[in-house]
Amino acid sequence: MEIVTKIAPIILALIMLGLGLGLKFEDFTRVFKAPKDFIVGFISQLIILPIVAYLLIIILKTPPEIAIGVMIIAAAPGGVTTNVMTKFANGDVALSISLTAIISLLSIITVPLIIFKSADLFGIDISQNISILSVAKDMFLIVSVPVILGMIIRKFAENFVASKVEIFNKLNVVLFIIFFIAAFYEERDSIIDFIMQAGLIALILNV
């Protein structure tokens, strides 16, 4: 996992920077214009999805190590691709952007909390290797700081950045593909085993 662990933080930070460049501070005010829709999406992503993941883990008797990975997937915030897919589906892009922006910023708290709580439920002691504060700090530096920085850059270069948003979105997709290929290459000898162990539950969770 050496390649992945080295490039993952950089790629994720660049993706979140691109996400921030596509956001305005006004995107956060949309929450108050459609609070009901936002609350439904917020609860679905931060509460219902992790609960569904946990129930699937119990039903499918998933091994603890795989179960933690499934909970991380459920806890992870949506990225720029969710906004793109919402646009393709002719959905409420403004609402998607608001959810992406706020949940991404809150992820520095929600992700470590869900991970550590899941570890306790599955009887895995991860506190000796990592702490909730260190995870929150890393999430803040890799997720929140780039998003905020991107929003600040857009604030002071609105015309230039606004005209290049589509380019940033495409660049984010390219970065994600690069990360996926690197991860696939790094684990090419074990990929079949991983699919056998976690493929079914990951598929069901995504559906």
C-alpha atoms as a PDB file:
ATOM      1  CA  MET A   1       0.000   0.000   0.000  1.00  0.00           C
ATOM      2  CA  GLU A   2       3.071   2.275  -0.163  1.00  0.00           C
ATOM      3  CA  ILE A   3       2.101   3.988  -3.423  1.00  0.00           C
ATOM      4  CA  VAL A   4      -1.497   4.504  -2.348  1.00  0.00           C
ATOM      5  CA  THR A   5      -0.684   5.793   1.134  1.00  0.00           C
ATOM      6  CA  LYS A   6       1.745   8.325  -0.321  1.00  0.00           C
ATOM      7  CA  ILE A   7      -0.417   9.704  -3.109  1.00  0.00           C
ATOM      8  CA  ALA A   8      -3.863   9.344  -1.478  1.00  0.00           C
ATOM      9  CA  PRO A   9      -3.613  12.416   0.810  1.00  0.00           C
ATOM     10  CA  ILE A  10      -2.271  14.554  -2.045  1.00  0.00           C
ATOM     11  CA  ILE A  11      -4.923  13.441  -4.536  1.00  0.00           C
ATOM     12  CA  LEU A  12      -7.733  13.778  -1.994  1.00  0.00           C
ATOM     13  CA  ALA A  13      -6.565  17.272  -1.021  1.00  0.00           C
ATOM     14  CA  LEU A  14      -6.456  18.302  -4.704  1.00  0.00           C
ATOM     15  CA  ILE A  15      -9.936  16.861  -5.276  1.00  0.00           C
ATOM     16  CA  MET A  16     -11.287  18.762  -2.260  1.00  0.00           C
ATOM     17  CA  LEU A  17      -9.556  21.929  -3.496  1.00  0.00           C
ATOM     18  CA  GLY A  18     -11.348  21.472  -6.828  1.00  0.00           C
ATOM     19  CA  LEU A  19     -14.599  20.956  -4.944  1.00  0.00           C
ATOM     20  CA  GLY A  20     -14.008  24.182  -3.026  1.00  0.00           C
ATOM     21  CA  LEU A  21     -13.364  26.074  -6.260  1.00  0.00           C
ATOM     22  CA  GLY A  22     -16.824  24.986  -7.416  1.00  0.00           C
ATOM     23  CA  LEU A  23     -18.497  26.288  -4.262  1.00  0.00           C
ATOM     24  CA  LYS A  24     -19.554  29.718  -3.069  1.00  0.00           C
ATOM     25  CA  PHE A  25     -20.283  30.811   0.463  1.00  0.00           C
ATOM     26  CA  GLU A  26     -23.851  31.356  -0.739  1.00  0.00           C
ATOM     27  CA  ASP A  27     -24.170  27.602  -1.248  1.00  0.00           C
ATOM     28  CA  PHE A  28     -24.426  27.223   2.509  1.00  0.00           C
ATOM     29  CA  THR A  29     -27.400  29.608   2.657  1.00  0.00           C
ATOM     30  CA  ARG A  30     -29.433  27.316   0.385  1.00  0.00           C
ATOM     31  CA  VAL A  31     -29.956  25.141   3.455  1.00  0.00           C
ATOM     32  CA  PHE A  32     -32.317  27.745   4.853  1.00  0.00           C
ATOM     33  CA  LYS A  33     -34.226  28.062   1.580  1.00  0.00           C
ATOM     34  CA  ALA A  34     -35.079  24.332   1.449  1.00  0.00           C
ATOM     35  CA  PRO A  35     -34.532  23.066   5.002  1.00  0.00           C
ATOM     36  CA  LYS A  36     -36.794  20.027   4.669  1.00  0.00           C
ATOM     37  CA  ASP A  37     -34.975  18.646   1.620  1.00  0.00           C
ATOM     38  CA  PHE A  38     -31.601  19.334   3.194  1.00  0.00           C
ATOM     39  CA  ILE A  39     -32.524  17.651   6.488  1.00  0.00           C
ATOM     40  CA  VAL A  40     -33.740  14.525   4.648  1.00  0.00           C
ATOM     41  CA  GLY A  41     -30.466  14.299   2.706  1.00  0.00           C
ATOM     42  CA  PHE A  42     -28.382  15.101   5.777  1.00  0.00           C
ATOM     43  CA  ILE A  43     -30.027  12.439   7.953  1.00  0.00           C
ATOM     44  CA  SER A  44     -29.935   9.894   5.121  1.00  0.00           C
ATOM     45  CA  GLN A  45     -26.202  10.302   4.577  1.00  0.00           C
ATOM     46  CA  LEU A  46     -24.937  10.796   8.110  1.00  0.00           C
ATOM     47  CA  ILE A  47     -27.300   8.512  10.055  1.00  0.00           C
ATOM     48  CA  ILE A  48     -29.325   6.133   7.878  1.00  0.00           C
ATOM     49  CA  LEU A  49     -26.458   5.039   5.577  1.00  0.00           C
ATOM     50  CA  PRO A  50     -24.122   4.029   8.453  1.00  0.00           C
ATOM     51  CA  ILE A  51     -27.023   2.185  10.125  1.00  0.00           C
ATOM     52  CA  VAL A  52     -27.755   0.318   6.877  1.00  0.00           C
ATOM     53  CA  ALA A  53     -24.055  -0.546   6.596  1.00  0.00           C
ATOM     54  CA  TYR A  54     -24.022  -1.830  10.177  1.00  0.00           C
ATOM     55  CA  LEU A  55     -27.140  -3.968   9.594  1.00  0.00           C
ATOM     56  CA  LEU A  56     -25.599  -5.441   6.427  1.00  0.00           C
ATOM     57  CA  ILE A  57     -22.449  -6.284   8.377  1.00  0.00           C
ATOM     58  CA  ILE A  58     -24.516  -8.114  11.006  1.00  0.00           C
ATOM     59  CA  ILE A  59     -26.712  -9.918   8.461  1.00  0.00           C
ATOM     60  CA  LEU A  60     -23.811 -11.008   6.225  1.00  0.00           C
ATOM     61  CA  LYS A  61     -21.553 -11.805   9.215  1.00  0.00           C
ATOM     62  CA  THR A  62     -18.759  -9.676   7.771  1.00  0.00           C
ATOM     63  CA  PRO A  63     -15.281 -10.131   9.346  1.00  0.00           C
ATOM     64  CA  PRO A  64     -14.341  -7.201  11.656  1.00  0.00           C
ATOM     65  CA  GLU A  65     -11.479  -5.965   9.454  1.00  0.00           C
ATOM     66  CA  ILE A  66     -13.731  -5.797   6.380  1.00  0.00           C
ATOM     67  CA  ALA A  67     -16.569  -4.384   8.489  1.00  0.00           C
ATOM     68  CA  ILE A  68     -14.440  -1.371   9.455  1.00  0.00           C
ATOM     69  CA  GLY A  69     -13.773  -0.697   5.775  1.00  0.00           C
ATOM     70  CA  VAL A  70     -17.503  -0.880   5.002  1.00  0.00           C
ATOM     71  CA  MET A  71     -18.239   1.615   7.787  1.00  0.00           C
ATOM     72  CA  ILE A  72     -15.574   3.967   6.405  1.00  0.00           C
ATOM     73  CA  ILE A  73     -17.310   3.814   3.013  1.00  0.00           C
ATOM     74  CA  ALA A  74     -20.644   4.601   4.681  1.00  0.00           C
ATOM     75  CA  ALA A  75     -19.153   7.467   6.697  1.00  0.00           C
ATOM     76  CA  ALA A  76     -17.226   9.107   3.859  1.00  0.00           C
ATOM     77  CA  PRO A  77     -18.763  12.349   2.556  1.00  0.00           C
ATOM     78  CA  GLY A  78     -19.888  12.682  -1.040  1.00  0.00           C
ATOM     79  CA  GLY A  79     -17.559  14.464  -3.433  1.00  0.00           C
ATOM     80  CA  VAL A  80     -17.787  16.479  -6.602  1.00  0.00           C
ATOM     81  CA  THR A  81     -18.930  13.393  -8.540  1.00  0.00           C
ATOM     82  CA  THR A  82     -22.220  13.413  -6.600  1.00  0.00           C
ATOM     83  CA  ASN A  83     -22.914  16.898  -7.904  1.00  0.00           C
ATOM     84  CA  VAL A  84     -22.060  15.866 -11.469  1.00  0.00           C
ATOM     85  CA  MET A  85     -24.292  12.777 -11.267  1.00  0.00           C
ATOM     86  CA  THR A  86     -27.111  14.869  -9.780  1.00  0.00           C
ATOM     87  CA  LYS A  87     -26.826  17.198 -12.768  1.00  0.00           C
ATOM     88  CA  PHE A  88     -26.943  14.256 -15.202  1.00  0.00           C
ATOM     89  CA  ALA A  89     -30.042  12.939 -13.395  1.00  0.00           C
ATOM     90  CA  ASN A  90     -31.719  16.358 -13.721  1.00  0.00           C
ATOM     91  CA  GLY A  91     -31.881  16.617  -9.928  1.00  0.00           C
ATOM     92  CA  ASP A  92     -31.511  19.527  -7.530  1.00  0.00           C
ATOM     93  CA  VAL A  93     -27.857  20.448  -8.075  1.00  0.00           C
ATOM     94  CA  ALA A  94     -28.003  23.349  -5.625  1.00  0.00           C
ATOM     95  CA  LEU A  95     -29.205  21.012  -2.875  1.00  0.00           C
ATOM     96  CA  SER A  96     -26.494  18.480  -3.772  1.00  0.00           C
ATOM     97  CA  ILE A  97     -23.834  21.181  -3.587  1.00  0.00           C
ATOM     98  CA  SER A  98     -25.112  22.354  -0.202  1.00  0.00           C
ATOM     99  CA  LEU A  99     -25.048  18.786   1.156  1.00  0.00           C
ATOM    100  CA  THR A 100     -21.580  18.187  -0.277  1.00  0.00           C
ATOM    101  CA  ALA A 101     -20.210  21.415   1.192  1.00  0.00           C
ATOM    102  CA  ILE A 102     -21.591  21.056   4.705  1.00  0.00           C
ATOM    103  CA  ILE A 103     -21.126  17.293   5.113  1.00  0.00           C
ATOM    104  CA  SER A 104     -17.555  17.539   3.792  1.00  0.00           C
ATOM    105  CA  LEU A 105     -16.719  20.144   6.432  1.00  0.00           C
ATOM    106  CA  LEU A 106     -18.448  18.128   9.174  1.00  0.00           C
ATOM    107  CA  SER A 107     -16.577  14.977   8.122  1.00  0.00           C
ATOM    108  CA  ILE A 108     -13.630  15.937  10.331  1.00  0.00           C
ATOM    109  CA  ILE A 109     -15.930  15.064  13.241  1.00  0.00           C
ATOM    110  CA  THR A 110     -18.368  12.507  11.813  1.00  0.00           C
ATOM    111  CA  VAL A 111     -15.866  10.187  10.096  1.00  0.00           C
ATOM    112  CA  PRO A 112     -13.559   9.639  13.112  1.00  0.00           C
ATOM    113  CA  LEU A 113     -16.608   9.289  15.376  1.00  0.00           C
ATOM    114  CA  ILE A 114     -18.229   6.604  13.199  1.00  0.00           C
ATOM    115  CA  ILE A 115     -14.929   4.753  12.694  1.00  0.00           C
ATOM    116  CA  PHE A 116     -14.049   4.583  16.384  1.00  0.00           C
ATOM    117  CA  LYS A 117     -17.613   3.739  17.442  1.00  0.00           C
ATOM    118  CA  SER A 118     -17.692   0.960  14.833  1.00  0.00           C
ATOM    119  CA  ALA A 119     -14.364  -0.389  16.059  1.00  0.00           C
ATOM    120  CA  ASP A 120     -15.798  -0.588  19.592  1.00  0.00           C
ATOM    121  CA  LEU A 121     -18.912  -2.404  18.353  1.00  0.00           C
ATOM    122  CA  PHE A 122     -16.815  -4.911  16.391  1.00  0.00           C
ATOM    123  CA  GLY A 123     -14.409  -5.474  19.267  1.00  0.00           C
ATOM    124  CA  ILE A 124     -11.397  -3.992  17.478  1.00  0.00           C
ATOM    125  CA  ASP A 125      -8.956  -1.868  19.473  1.00  0.00           C
ATOM    126  CA  ILE A 126      -7.535   0.754  17.122  1.00  0.00           C
ATOM    127  CA  SER A 127      -6.808   3.346  19.808  1.00  0.00           C
ATOM    128  CA  GLN A 128      -3.273   2.002  20.229  1.00  0.00           C
ATOM    129  CA  ASN A 129      -2.428   2.750  16.608  1.00  0.00           C
ATOM    130  CA  ILE A 130      -4.423   5.916  15.937  1.00  0.00           C
ATOM    131  CA  SER A 131      -6.417   8.403  17.970  1.00  0.00           C
ATOM    132  CA  ILE A 132      -9.661  10.155  17.175  1.00  0.00           C
ATOM    133  CA  LEU A 133      -7.866  13.508  17.455  1.00  0.00           C
ATOM    134  CA  SER A 134      -5.187  12.508  14.942  1.00  0.00           C
ATOM    135  CA  VAL A 135      -7.831  11.294  12.484  1.00  0.00           C
ATOM    136  CA  ALA A 136      -9.825  14.510  12.955  1.00  0.00           C
ATOM    137  CA  LYS A 137      -6.651  16.561  12.419  1.00  0.00           C
ATOM    138  CA  ASP A 138      -5.804  14.691   9.216  1.00  0.00           C
ATOM    139  CA  MET A 139      -9.388  15.056   7.982  1.00  0.00           C
ATOM    140  CA  PHE A 140      -9.244  18.790   8.701  1.00  0.00           C
ATOM    141  CA  LEU A 141      -5.946  19.257   6.838  1.00  0.00           C
ATOM    142  CA  ILE A 142      -6.852  17.055   3.850  1.00  0.00           C
ATOM    143  CA  VAL A 143     -10.574  17.814   3.523  1.00  0.00           C
ATOM    144  CA  SER A 144     -11.660  21.040   5.200  1.00  0.00           C
ATOM    145  CA  VAL A 145      -8.601  23.240   4.572  1.00  0.00           C
ATOM    146  CA  PRO A 146      -8.524  22.613   0.772  1.00  0.00           C
ATOM    147  CA  VAL A 147     -12.306  23.171   0.499  1.00  0.00           C
ATOM    148  CA  ILE A 148     -12.123  26.457   2.425  1.00  0.00           C
ATOM    149  CA  LEU A 149      -9.019  27.512   0.470  1.00  0.00           C
ATOM    150  CA  GLY A 150     -10.799  26.763  -2.808  1.00  0.00           C
ATOM    151  CA  MET A 151     -13.805  28.831  -1.742  1.00  0.00           C
ATOM    152  CA  ILE A 152     -11.560  31.745  -0.749  1.00  0.00           C
ATOM    153  CA  ILE A 153      -9.742  31.601  -4.106  1.00  0.00           C
ATOM    154  CA  ARG A 154     -13.090  31.650  -5.921  1.00  0.00           C
ATOM    155  CA  LYS A 155     -14.238  34.581  -3.775  1.00  0.00           C
ATOM    156  CA  PHE A 156     -11.317  36.726  -4.963  1.00  0.00           C
ATOM    157  CA  ALA A 157     -11.157  35.402  -8.531  1.00  0.00           C
ATOM    158  CA  GLU A 158     -14.845  34.786  -9.213  1.00  0.00           C
ATOM    159  CA  ASN A 159     -14.887  35.452 -12.959  1.00  0.00           C
ATOM    160  CA  PHE A 160     -11.796  33.375 -13.743  1.00  0.00           C
ATOM    161  CA  VAL A 161     -12.706  30.421 -11.506  1.00  0.00           C
ATOM    162  CA  ALA A 162     -16.393  30.390 -12.515  1.00  0.00           C
ATOM    163  CA  SER A 163     -15.406  30.068 -16.175  1.00  0.00           C
ATOM    164  CA  LYS A 164     -13.145  27.119 -15.363  1.00  0.00           C
ATOM    165  CA  VAL A 165     -15.466  25.131 -13.029  1.00  0.00           C
ATOM    166  CA  GLU A 166     -16.153  22.438 -15.636  1.00  0.00           C
ATOM    167  CA  ILE A 167     -12.404  22.002 -16.145  1.00  0.00           C
ATOM    168  CA  PHE A 168     -11.898  21.593 -12.397  1.00  0.00           C
ATOM    169  CA  ASN A 169     -14.702  19.022 -12.275  1.00  0.00           C
ATOM    170  CA  LYS A 170     -13.116  17.025 -15.101  1.00  0.00           C
ATOM    171  CA  LEU A 171      -9.715  17.290 -13.418  1.00  0.00           C
ATOM    172  CA  ASN A 172     -11.227  15.868 -10.225  1.00  0.00           C
ATOM    173  CA  VAL A 173     -12.545  12.882 -12.179  1.00  0.00           C
ATOM    174  CA  VAL A 174      -9.093  12.362 -13.723  1.00  0.00           C
ATOM    175  CA  LEU A 175      -7.431  12.507 -10.288  1.00  0.00           C
ATOM    176  CA  PHE A 176      -9.920   9.984  -8.940  1.00  0.00           C
ATOM    177  CA  ILE A 177      -9.204   7.643 -11.871  1.00  0.00           C
ATOM    178  CA  ILE A 178      -5.447   7.993 -11.258  1.00  0.00           C
ATOM    179  CA  PHE A 179      -5.940   7.073  -7.612  1.00  0.00           C
ATOM    180  CA  PHE A 180      -8.170   4.130  -8.537  1.00  0.00           C
ATOM    181  CA  ILE A 181      -5.622   2.797 -11.047  1.00  0.00           C
ATOM    182  CA  ALA A 182      -2.784   3.211  -8.517  1.00  0.00           C
ATOM    183  CA  ALA A 183      -4.772   1.385  -5.830  1.00  0.00           C
ATOM    184  CA  PHE A 184      -5.729  -1.372  -8.270  1.00  0.00           C
ATOM    185  CA  TYR A 185      -2.119  -1.798  -9.388  1.00  0.00           C
ATOM    186  CA  GLU A 186      -0.838  -1.832  -5.812  1.00  0.00           C
ATOM    187  CA  GLU A 187      -3.302  -4.555  -4.804  1.00  0.00           C
ATOM    188  CA  ARG A 188      -3.453  -6.418  -8.131  1.00  0.00           C
ATOM    189  CA  ASP A 189      -2.352  -9.718  -6.544  1.00  0.00           C
ATOM    190  CA  SER A 190      -5.038  -9.541  -3.854  1.00  0.00           C
ATOM    191  CA  ILE A 191      -7.911  -7.906  -5.745  1.00  0.00           C
ATOM    192  CA  ILE A 192      -9.793 -11.162  -6.334  1.00  0.00           C
ATOM    193  CA  ASP A 193      -9.599 -12.027  -2.627  1.00  0.00           C
ATOM    194  CA  PHE A 194     -10.858  -8.541  -1.729  1.00  0.00           C
ATOM    195  CA  ILE A 195     -13.806  -8.896  -4.118  1.00  0.00           C
ATOM    196  CA  MET A 196     -14.645 -12.289  -2.633  1.00  0.00           C
ATOM    197  CA  GLN A 197     -14.526 -10.887   0.902  1.00  0.00           C
ATOM    198  CA  ALA A 198     -16.158  -7.485   0.476  1.00  0.00           C
ATOM    199  CA  GLY A 199     -17.621  -7.356  -3.037  1.00  0.00           C
ATOM    200  CA  LEU A 200     -21.156  -8.411  -2.121  1.00  0.00           C
ATOM    201  CA  ILE A 201     -21.620  -6.103   0.858  1.00  0.00           C
ATOM    202  CA  ALA A 202     -20.036  -3.158  -0.998  1.00  0.00           C
ATOM    203  CA  LEU A 203     -22.374  -3.725  -3.957  1.00  0.00           C
ATOM    204  CA  ILE A 204     -25.478  -3.954  -1.744  1.00  0.00           C
ATOM    205  CA  LEU A 205     -24.468  -0.839   0.218  1.00  0.00           C
ATOM    206  CA  ASN A 206     -24.016   1.181  -2.964  1.00  0.00           C
ATOM    207  CA  VAL A 207     -27.350   0.002  -4.339  1.00  0.00           C
END
